[in-house]
Amino acid sequence: MSTIQIEKGIPAPIKHNWKAELGVMEAGESALIDNEFANSVKAAISQHFHKEANGKEFQTGKAIDDLGNEIKGKFRVWCHK
């Protein structure tokens, strides 16, 4: 499991030297993302690496909050330098 912090920022195309992060939709929250979900998003990022993927929503996977509750809903990929 990886702790993911939501990033606020302006949508921008993914560049080779940019870092992509996962997060739940609510800015400022952090959540635990299971590895399978993280890997599926990484695969989706690499498939669309030259497209504007910042803010792209992924319906698959699950997130767990700090209390161990599952967060349901859409997830977003944030990209920044």
PDB file of N, CA and C in Angstrom:
ATOM      1  N   MET A   1       0.847  -1.190   0.000  1.00  0.00           N
ATOM      2  CA  MET A   1       0.000   0.000   0.000  1.00  0.00           C
ATOM      3  C   MET A   1       0.886   1.245   0.000  1.00  0.00           C
ATOM      4  N   SER A   2       0.435   2.257  -0.704  1.00  0.00           N
ATOM      5  CA  SER A   2       1.182   3.503  -0.784  1.00  0.00           C
ATOM      6  C   SER A   2       0.290   4.651  -0.334  1.00  0.00           C
ATOM      7  N   THR A   3       0.850   5.559   0.456  1.00  0.00           N
ATOM      8  CA  THR A   3       0.095   6.744   0.846  1.00  0.00           C
ATOM      9  C   THR A   3       0.196   7.768  -0.271  1.00  0.00           C
ATOM     10  N   ILE A   4      -0.952   8.251  -0.711  1.00  0.00           N
ATOM     11  CA  ILE A   4      -1.009   9.180  -1.839  1.00  0.00           C
ATOM     12  C   ILE A   4      -1.574  10.505  -1.347  1.00  0.00           C
ATOM     13  N   GLN A   5      -0.884  11.593  -1.610  1.00  0.00           N
ATOM     14  CA  GLN A   5      -1.369  12.921  -1.241  1.00  0.00           C
ATOM     15  C   GLN A   5      -1.898  13.615  -2.491  1.00  0.00           C
ATOM     16  N   ILE A   6      -3.058  14.208  -2.382  1.00  0.00           N
ATOM     17  CA  ILE A   6      -3.646  14.908  -3.520  1.00  0.00           C
ATOM     18  C   ILE A   6      -2.868  16.185  -3.790  1.00  0.00           C
ATOM     19  N   GLU A   7      -2.638  16.456  -5.047  1.00  0.00           N
ATOM     20  CA  GLU A   7      -1.948  17.680  -5.446  1.00  0.00           C
ATOM     21  C   GLU A   7      -2.951  18.630  -6.090  1.00  0.00           C
ATOM     22  N   LYS A   8      -2.863  19.902  -5.742  1.00  0.00           N
ATOM     23  CA  LYS A   8      -3.654  20.915  -6.438  1.00  0.00           C
ATOM     24  C   LYS A   8      -2.779  21.501  -7.530  1.00  0.00           C
ATOM     25  N   GLY A   9      -3.362  21.796  -8.683  1.00  0.00           N
ATOM     26  CA  GLY A   9      -2.547  22.371  -9.740  1.00  0.00           C
ATOM     27  C   GLY A   9      -3.311  22.522 -11.027  1.00  0.00           C
ATOM     28  N   ILE A  10      -2.677  23.161 -11.985  1.00  0.00           N
ATOM     29  CA  ILE A  10      -3.267  23.396 -13.291  1.00  0.00           C
ATOM     30  C   ILE A  10      -3.028  22.167 -14.158  1.00  0.00           C
ATOM     31  N   PRO A  11      -4.073  21.651 -14.841  1.00  0.00           N
ATOM     32  CA  PRO A  11      -3.867  20.509 -15.733  1.00  0.00           C
ATOM     33  C   PRO A  11      -2.814  20.811 -16.792  1.00  0.00           C
ATOM     34  N   ALA A  12      -1.965  19.830 -17.058  1.00  0.00           N
ATOM     35  CA  ALA A  12      -0.898  20.007 -18.040  1.00  0.00           C
ATOM     36  C   ALA A  12      -0.553  18.663 -18.652  1.00  0.00           C
ATOM     37  N   PRO A  13       0.003  18.647 -19.858  1.00  0.00           N
ATOM     38  CA  PRO A  13       0.398  17.379 -20.477  1.00  0.00           C
ATOM     39  C   PRO A  13       1.500  16.701 -19.667  1.00  0.00           C
ATOM     40  N   ILE A  14       1.504  15.373 -19.683  1.00  0.00           N
ATOM     41  CA  ILE A  14       2.573  14.636 -19.006  1.00  0.00           C
ATOM     42  C   ILE A  14       3.840  14.722 -19.854  1.00  0.00           C
ATOM     43  N   LYS A  15       4.920  15.125 -19.225  1.00  0.00           N
ATOM     44  CA  LYS A  15       6.225  15.148 -19.892  1.00  0.00           C
ATOM     45  C   LYS A  15       7.049  13.988 -19.350  1.00  0.00           C
ATOM     46  N   HIS A  16       8.118  13.640 -20.043  1.00  0.00           N
ATOM     47  CA  HIS A  16       8.934  12.510 -19.596  1.00  0.00           C
ATOM     48  C   HIS A  16       9.563  12.758 -18.231  1.00  0.00           C
ATOM     49  N   ASN A  17       9.837  14.017 -17.899  1.00  0.00           N
ATOM     50  CA  ASN A  17      10.486  14.313 -16.621  1.00  0.00           C
ATOM     51  C   ASN A  17       9.474  14.699 -15.545  1.00  0.00           C
ATOM     52  N   TRP A  18       8.200  14.462 -15.803  1.00  0.00           N
ATOM     53  CA  TRP A  18       7.182  14.805 -14.823  1.00  0.00           C
ATOM     54  C   TRP A  18       6.855  13.604 -13.971  1.00  0.00           C
ATOM     55  N   LYS A  19       6.321  13.861 -12.790  1.00  0.00           N
ATOM     56  CA  LYS A  19       5.942  12.815 -11.854  1.00  0.00           C
ATOM     57  C   LYS A  19       4.411  12.737 -11.812  1.00  0.00           C
ATOM     58  N   ALA A  20       3.876  11.532 -11.861  1.00  0.00           N
ATOM     59  CA  ALA A  20       2.424  11.357 -11.792  1.00  0.00           C
ATOM     60  C   ALA A  20       2.049  10.786 -10.432  1.00  0.00           C
ATOM     61  N   GLU A  21       0.983  11.294  -9.846  1.00  0.00           N
ATOM     62  CA  GLU A  21       0.515  10.799  -8.563  1.00  0.00           C
ATOM     63  C   GLU A  21      -0.971  10.478  -8.651  1.00  0.00           C
ATOM     64  N   LEU A  22      -1.422   9.585  -7.784  1.00  0.00           N
ATOM     65  CA  LEU A  22      -2.823   9.200  -7.734  1.00  0.00           C
ATOM     66  C   LEU A  22      -3.490   9.876  -6.559  1.00  0.00           C
ATOM     67  N   GLY A  23      -4.789  10.039  -6.645  1.00  0.00           N
ATOM     68  CA  GLY A  23      -5.487  10.535  -5.474  1.00  0.00           C
ATOM     69  C   GLY A  23      -6.989  10.468  -5.628  1.00  0.00           C
ATOM     70  N   VAL A  24      -7.688  10.604  -4.512  1.00  0.00           N
ATOM     71  CA  VAL A  24      -9.130  10.709  -4.559  1.00  0.00           C
ATOM     72  C   VAL A  24      -9.491  12.116  -5.022  1.00  0.00           C
ATOM     73  N   MET A  25     -10.749  12.316  -5.410  1.00  0.00           N
ATOM     74  CA  MET A  25     -11.143  13.564  -6.048  1.00  0.00           C
ATOM     75  C   MET A  25     -10.994  14.787  -5.130  1.00  0.00           C
ATOM     76  N   GLU A  26     -11.242  14.627  -3.828  1.00  0.00           N
ATOM     77  CA  GLU A  26     -11.223  15.780  -2.933  1.00  0.00           C
ATOM     78  C   GLU A  26      -9.792  16.261  -2.709  1.00  0.00           C
ATOM     79  N   ALA A  27      -9.498  17.461  -3.141  1.00  0.00           N
ATOM     80  CA  ALA A  27      -8.142  18.001  -3.019  1.00  0.00           C
ATOM     81  C   ALA A  27      -7.770  18.150  -1.553  1.00  0.00           C
ATOM     82  N   GLY A  28      -6.528  17.831  -1.232  1.00  0.00           N
ATOM     83  CA  GLY A  28      -6.030  17.988   0.119  1.00  0.00           C
ATOM     84  C   GLY A  28      -6.139  16.742   0.976  1.00  0.00           C
ATOM     85  N   GLU A  29      -6.932  15.742   0.544  1.00  0.00           N
ATOM     86  CA  GLU A  29      -7.042  14.504   1.306  1.00  0.00           C
ATOM     87  C   GLU A  29      -5.956  13.530   0.883  1.00  0.00           C
ATOM     88  N   SER A  30      -5.606  12.644   1.783  1.00  0.00           N
ATOM     89  CA  SER A  30      -4.686  11.576   1.419  1.00  0.00           C
ATOM     90  C   SER A  30      -5.387  10.246   1.658  1.00  0.00           C
ATOM     91  N   ALA A  31      -4.972   9.221   0.945  1.00  0.00           N
ATOM     92  CA  ALA A  31      -5.610   7.914   1.070  1.00  0.00           C
ATOM     93  C   ALA A  31      -4.598   6.837   0.733  1.00  0.00           C
ATOM     94  N   LEU A  32      -4.898   5.615   1.151  1.00  0.00           N
ATOM     95  CA  LEU A  32      -4.069   4.484   0.774  1.00  0.00           C
ATOM     96  C   LEU A  32      -4.648   3.868  -0.489  1.00  0.00           C
ATOM     97  N   ILE A  33      -3.824   3.700  -1.500  1.00  0.00           N
ATOM     98  CA  ILE A  33      -4.254   3.123  -2.764  1.00  0.00           C
ATOM     99  C   ILE A  33      -3.640   1.734  -2.859  1.00  0.00           C
ATOM    100  N   ASP A  34      -4.459   0.724  -3.164  1.00  0.00           N
ATOM    101  CA  ASP A  34      -3.901  -0.622  -3.240  1.00  0.00           C
ATOM    102  C   ASP A  34      -3.020  -0.756  -4.477  1.00  0.00           C
ATOM    103  N   ASN A  35      -2.050  -1.661  -4.410  1.00  0.00           N
ATOM    104  CA  ASN A  35      -1.030  -1.787  -5.452  1.00  0.00           C
ATOM    105  C   ASN A  35      -1.609  -2.125  -6.813  1.00  0.00           C
ATOM    106  N   GLU A  36      -2.643  -2.980  -6.837  1.00  0.00           N
ATOM    107  CA  GLU A  36      -3.245  -3.359  -8.114  1.00  0.00           C
ATOM    108  C   GLU A  36      -3.822  -2.134  -8.818  1.00  0.00           C
ATOM    109  N   PHE A  37      -4.486  -1.276  -8.045  1.00  0.00           N
ATOM    110  CA  PHE A  37      -5.042  -0.047  -8.611  1.00  0.00           C
ATOM    111  C   PHE A  37      -3.925   0.873  -9.088  1.00  0.00           C
ATOM    112  N   ALA A  38      -2.888   1.017  -8.269  1.00  0.00           N
ATOM    113  CA  ALA A  38      -1.764   1.868  -8.648  1.00  0.00           C
ATOM    114  C   ALA A  38      -1.124   1.381  -9.940  1.00  0.00           C
ATOM    115  N   ASN A  39      -0.944   0.071 -10.061  1.00  0.00           N
ATOM    116  CA  ASN A  39      -0.336  -0.482 -11.268  1.00  0.00           C
ATOM    117  C   ASN A  39      -1.213  -0.280 -12.489  1.00  0.00           C
ATOM    118  N   SER A  40      -2.544  -0.405 -12.330  1.00  0.00           N
ATOM    119  CA  SER A  40      -3.438  -0.217 -13.471  1.00  0.00           C
ATOM    120  C   SER A  40      -3.403   1.233 -13.948  1.00  0.00           C
ATOM    121  N   VAL A  41      -3.273   2.160 -13.008  1.00  0.00           N
ATOM    122  CA  VAL A  41      -3.195   3.569 -13.394  1.00  0.00           C
ATOM    123  C   VAL A  41      -1.855   3.867 -14.057  1.00  0.00           C
ATOM    124  N   LYS A  42      -0.769   3.288 -13.524  1.00  0.00           N
ATOM    125  CA  LYS A  42       0.543   3.476 -14.149  1.00  0.00           C
ATOM    126  C   LYS A  42       0.531   2.961 -15.582  1.00  0.00           C
ATOM    127  N   ALA A  43      -0.130   1.811 -15.791  1.00  0.00           N
ATOM    128  CA  ALA A  43      -0.227   1.256 -17.142  1.00  0.00           C
ATOM    129  C   ALA A  43      -1.014   2.196 -18.041  1.00  0.00           C
ATOM    130  N   ALA A  44      -2.098   2.746 -17.513  1.00  0.00           N
ATOM    131  CA  ALA A  44      -2.911   3.670 -18.307  1.00  0.00           C
ATOM    132  C   ALA A  44      -2.133   4.940 -18.631  1.00  0.00           C
ATOM    133  N   ILE A  45      -1.317   5.397 -17.676  1.00  0.00           N
ATOM    134  CA  ILE A  45      -0.494   6.583 -17.923  1.00  0.00           C
ATOM    135  C   ILE A  45       0.493   6.309 -19.053  1.00  0.00           C
ATOM    136  N   SER A  46       1.156   5.155 -19.004  1.00  0.00           N
ATOM    137  CA  SER A  46       2.166   4.864 -20.018  1.00  0.00           C
ATOM    138  C   SER A  46       1.537   4.690 -21.398  1.00  0.00           C
ATOM    139  N   GLN A  47       0.293   4.187 -21.441  1.00  0.00           N
ATOM    140  CA  GLN A  47      -0.393   4.025 -22.725  1.00  0.00           C
ATOM    141  C   GLN A  47      -0.729   5.380 -23.345  1.00  0.00           C
ATOM    142  N   HIS A  48      -0.981   6.382 -22.499  1.00  0.00           N
ATOM    143  CA  HIS A  48      -1.389   7.698 -22.998  1.00  0.00           C
ATOM    144  C   HIS A  48      -0.344   8.746 -22.628  1.00  0.00           C
ATOM    145  N   PHE A  49       0.922   8.349 -22.673  1.00  0.00           N
ATOM    146  CA  PHE A  49       1.986   9.181 -22.103  1.00  0.00           C
ATOM    147  C   PHE A  49       2.109  10.532 -22.786  1.00  0.00           C
ATOM    148  N   HIS A  50       1.815  10.610 -24.086  1.00  0.00           N
ATOM    149  CA  HIS A  50       1.998  11.869 -24.803  1.00  0.00           C
ATOM    150  C   HIS A  50       0.707  12.669 -24.911  1.00  0.00           C
ATOM    151  N   LYS A  51      -0.353  12.193 -24.253  1.00  0.00           N
ATOM    152  CA  LYS A  51      -1.625  12.918 -24.281  1.00  0.00           C
ATOM    153  C   LYS A  51      -1.787  13.682 -22.972  1.00  0.00           C
ATOM    154  N   GLU A  52      -2.726  14.609 -22.944  1.00  0.00           N
ATOM    155  CA  GLU A  52      -2.974  15.356 -21.716  1.00  0.00           C
ATOM    156  C   GLU A  52      -3.785  14.484 -20.768  1.00  0.00           C
ATOM    157  N   ALA A  53      -3.105  13.820 -19.854  1.00  0.00           N
ATOM    158  CA  ALA A  53      -3.763  12.864 -18.968  1.00  0.00           C
ATOM    159  C   ALA A  53      -3.962  13.418 -17.561  1.00  0.00           C
ATOM    160  N   ASN A  54      -3.515  14.637 -17.307  1.00  0.00           N
ATOM    161  CA  ASN A  54      -3.698  15.187 -15.969  1.00  0.00           C
ATOM    162  C   ASN A  54      -5.189  15.343 -15.681  1.00  0.00           C
ATOM    163  N   GLY A  55      -5.621  14.850 -14.545  1.00  0.00           N
ATOM    164  CA  GLY A  55      -7.025  14.920 -14.189  1.00  0.00           C
ATOM    165  C   GLY A  55      -7.862  13.800 -14.779  1.00  0.00           C
ATOM    166  N   LYS A  56      -7.220  12.869 -15.496  1.00  0.00           N
ATOM    167  CA  LYS A  56      -7.952  11.746 -16.079  1.00  0.00           C
ATOM    168  C   LYS A  56      -8.543  10.898 -14.960  1.00  0.00           C
ATOM    169  N   GLU A  57      -9.806  10.485 -15.114  1.00  0.00           N
ATOM    170  CA  GLU A  57     -10.488   9.740 -14.068  1.00  0.00           C
ATOM    171  C   GLU A  57     -10.429   8.244 -14.333  1.00  0.00           C
ATOM    172  N   PHE A  58     -10.230   7.469 -13.285  1.00  0.00           N
ATOM    173  CA  PHE A  58     -10.210   6.013 -13.378  1.00  0.00           C
ATOM    174  C   PHE A  58     -11.263   5.465 -12.425  1.00  0.00           C
ATOM    175  N   GLN A  59     -12.150   4.626 -12.948  1.00  0.00           N
ATOM    176  CA  GLN A  59     -13.252   4.105 -12.150  1.00  0.00           C
ATOM    177  C   GLN A  59     -12.846   2.845 -11.377  1.00  0.00           C
ATOM    178  N   THR A  60     -11.746   2.194 -11.793  1.00  0.00           N
ATOM    179  CA  THR A  60     -11.364   0.912 -11.198  1.00  0.00           C
ATOM    180  C   THR A  60     -10.582   1.091  -9.908  1.00  0.00           C
ATOM    181  N   GLY A  61     -10.528   0.044  -9.124  1.00  0.00           N
ATOM    182  CA  GLY A  61      -9.716   0.045  -7.919  1.00  0.00           C
ATOM    183  C   GLY A  61     -10.453   0.593  -6.720  1.00  0.00           C
ATOM    184  N   LYS A  62      -9.752   0.666  -5.593  1.00  0.00           N
ATOM    185  CA  LYS A  62     -10.356   1.184  -4.379  1.00  0.00           C
ATOM    186  C   LYS A  62      -9.327   1.972  -3.594  1.00  0.00           C
ATOM    187  N   ALA A  63      -9.805   2.872  -2.780  1.00  0.00           N
ATOM    188  CA  ALA A  63      -8.937   3.639  -1.892  1.00  0.00           C
ATOM    189  C   ALA A  63      -9.410   3.409  -0.466  1.00  0.00           C
ATOM    190  N   ILE A  64      -8.487   3.419   0.470  1.00  0.00           N
ATOM    191  CA  ILE A  64      -8.790   3.221   1.880  1.00  0.00           C
ATOM    192  C   ILE A  64      -8.363   4.479   2.633  1.00  0.00           C
ATOM    193  N   ASP A  65      -9.276   5.015   3.456  1.00  0.00           N
ATOM    194  CA  ASP A  65      -8.898   6.204   4.217  1.00  0.00           C
ATOM    195  C   ASP A  65      -8.109   5.804   5.466  1.00  0.00           C
ATOM    196  N   ASP A  66      -7.718   6.803   6.268  1.00  0.00           N
ATOM    197  CA  ASP A  66      -6.864   6.549   7.427  1.00  0.00           C
ATOM    198  C   ASP A  66      -7.537   5.681   8.487  1.00  0.00           C
ATOM    199  N   LEU A  67      -8.876   5.607   8.473  1.00  0.00           N
ATOM    200  CA  LEU A  67      -9.609   4.796   9.438  1.00  0.00           C
ATOM    201  C   LEU A  67      -9.887   3.394   8.914  1.00  0.00           C
ATOM    202  N   GLY A  68      -9.419   3.096   7.702  1.00  0.00           N
ATOM    203  CA  GLY A  68      -9.618   1.777   7.132  1.00  0.00           C
ATOM    204  C   GLY A  68     -10.914   1.625   6.357  1.00  0.00           C
ATOM    205  N   ASN A  69     -11.628   2.724   6.153  1.00  0.00           N
ATOM    206  CA  ASN A  69     -12.873   2.673   5.390  1.00  0.00           C
ATOM    207  C   ASN A  69     -12.578   2.779   3.903  1.00  0.00           C
ATOM    208  N   GLU A  70     -13.322   2.010   3.110  1.00  0.00           N
ATOM    209  CA  GLU A  70     -13.128   2.074   1.664  1.00  0.00           C
ATOM    210  C   GLU A  70     -13.780   3.341   1.118  1.00  0.00           C
ATOM    211  N   ILE A  71     -13.054   4.041   0.256  1.00  0.00           N
ATOM    212  CA  ILE A  71     -13.582   5.233  -0.406  1.00  0.00           C
ATOM    213  C   ILE A  71     -14.030   4.808  -1.793  1.00  0.00           C
ATOM    214  N   LYS A  72     -15.306   4.976  -2.082  1.00  0.00           N
ATOM    215  CA  LYS A  72     -15.806   4.598  -3.398  1.00  0.00           C
ATOM    216  C   LYS A  72     -15.948   5.842  -4.258  1.00  0.00           C
ATOM    217  N   GLY A  73     -15.851   5.662  -5.559  1.00  0.00           N
ATOM    218  CA  GLY A  73     -16.003   6.789  -6.462  1.00  0.00           C
ATOM    219  C   GLY A  73     -14.895   6.830  -7.483  1.00  0.00           C
ATOM    220  N   LYS A  74     -14.792   7.964  -8.143  1.00  0.00           N
ATOM    221  CA  LYS A  74     -13.797   8.117  -9.193  1.00  0.00           C
ATOM    222  C   LYS A  74     -12.474   8.547  -8.588  1.00  0.00           C
ATOM    223  N   PHE A  75     -11.409   8.191  -9.287  1.00  0.00           N
ATOM    224  CA  PHE A  75     -10.073   8.580  -8.861  1.00  0.00           C
ATOM    225  C   PHE A  75      -9.435   9.402  -9.971  1.00  0.00           C
ATOM    226  N   ARG A  76      -8.447  10.173  -9.610  1.00  0.00           N
ATOM    227  CA  ARG A  76      -7.863  11.097 -10.559  1.00  0.00           C
ATOM    228  C   ARG A  76      -6.346  10.978 -10.522  1.00  0.00           C
ATOM    229  N   VAL A  77      -5.723  11.197 -11.666  1.00  0.00           N
ATOM    230  CA  VAL A  77      -4.265  11.231 -11.737  1.00  0.00           C
ATOM    231  C   VAL A  77      -3.837  12.693 -11.838  1.00  0.00           C
ATOM    232  N   TRP A  78      -2.925  13.105 -10.977  1.00  0.00           N
ATOM    233  CA  TRP A  78      -2.397  14.466 -11.020  1.00  0.00           C
ATOM    234  C   TRP A  78      -0.938  14.401 -11.447  1.00  0.00           C
ATOM    235  N   CYS A  79      -0.551  15.286 -12.336  1.00  0.00           N
ATOM    236  CA  CYS A  79       0.822  15.290 -12.838  1.00  0.00           C
ATOM    237  C   CYS A  79       1.466  16.636 -12.539  1.00  0.00           C
ATOM    238  N   HIS A  80       2.710  16.598 -12.113  1.00  0.00           N
ATOM    239  CA  HIS A  80       3.431  17.836 -11.821  1.00  0.00           C
ATOM    240  C   HIS A  80       4.915  17.574 -11.927  1.00  0.00           C
ATOM    241  N   LYS A  81       5.691  18.654 -12.076  1.00  0.00           N
ATOM    242  CA  LYS A  81       7.144  18.510 -12.155  1.00  0.00           C
ATOM    243  C   LYS A  81       7.697  18.217 -10.779  1.00  0.00           C
TER     244      LYS A  81
END
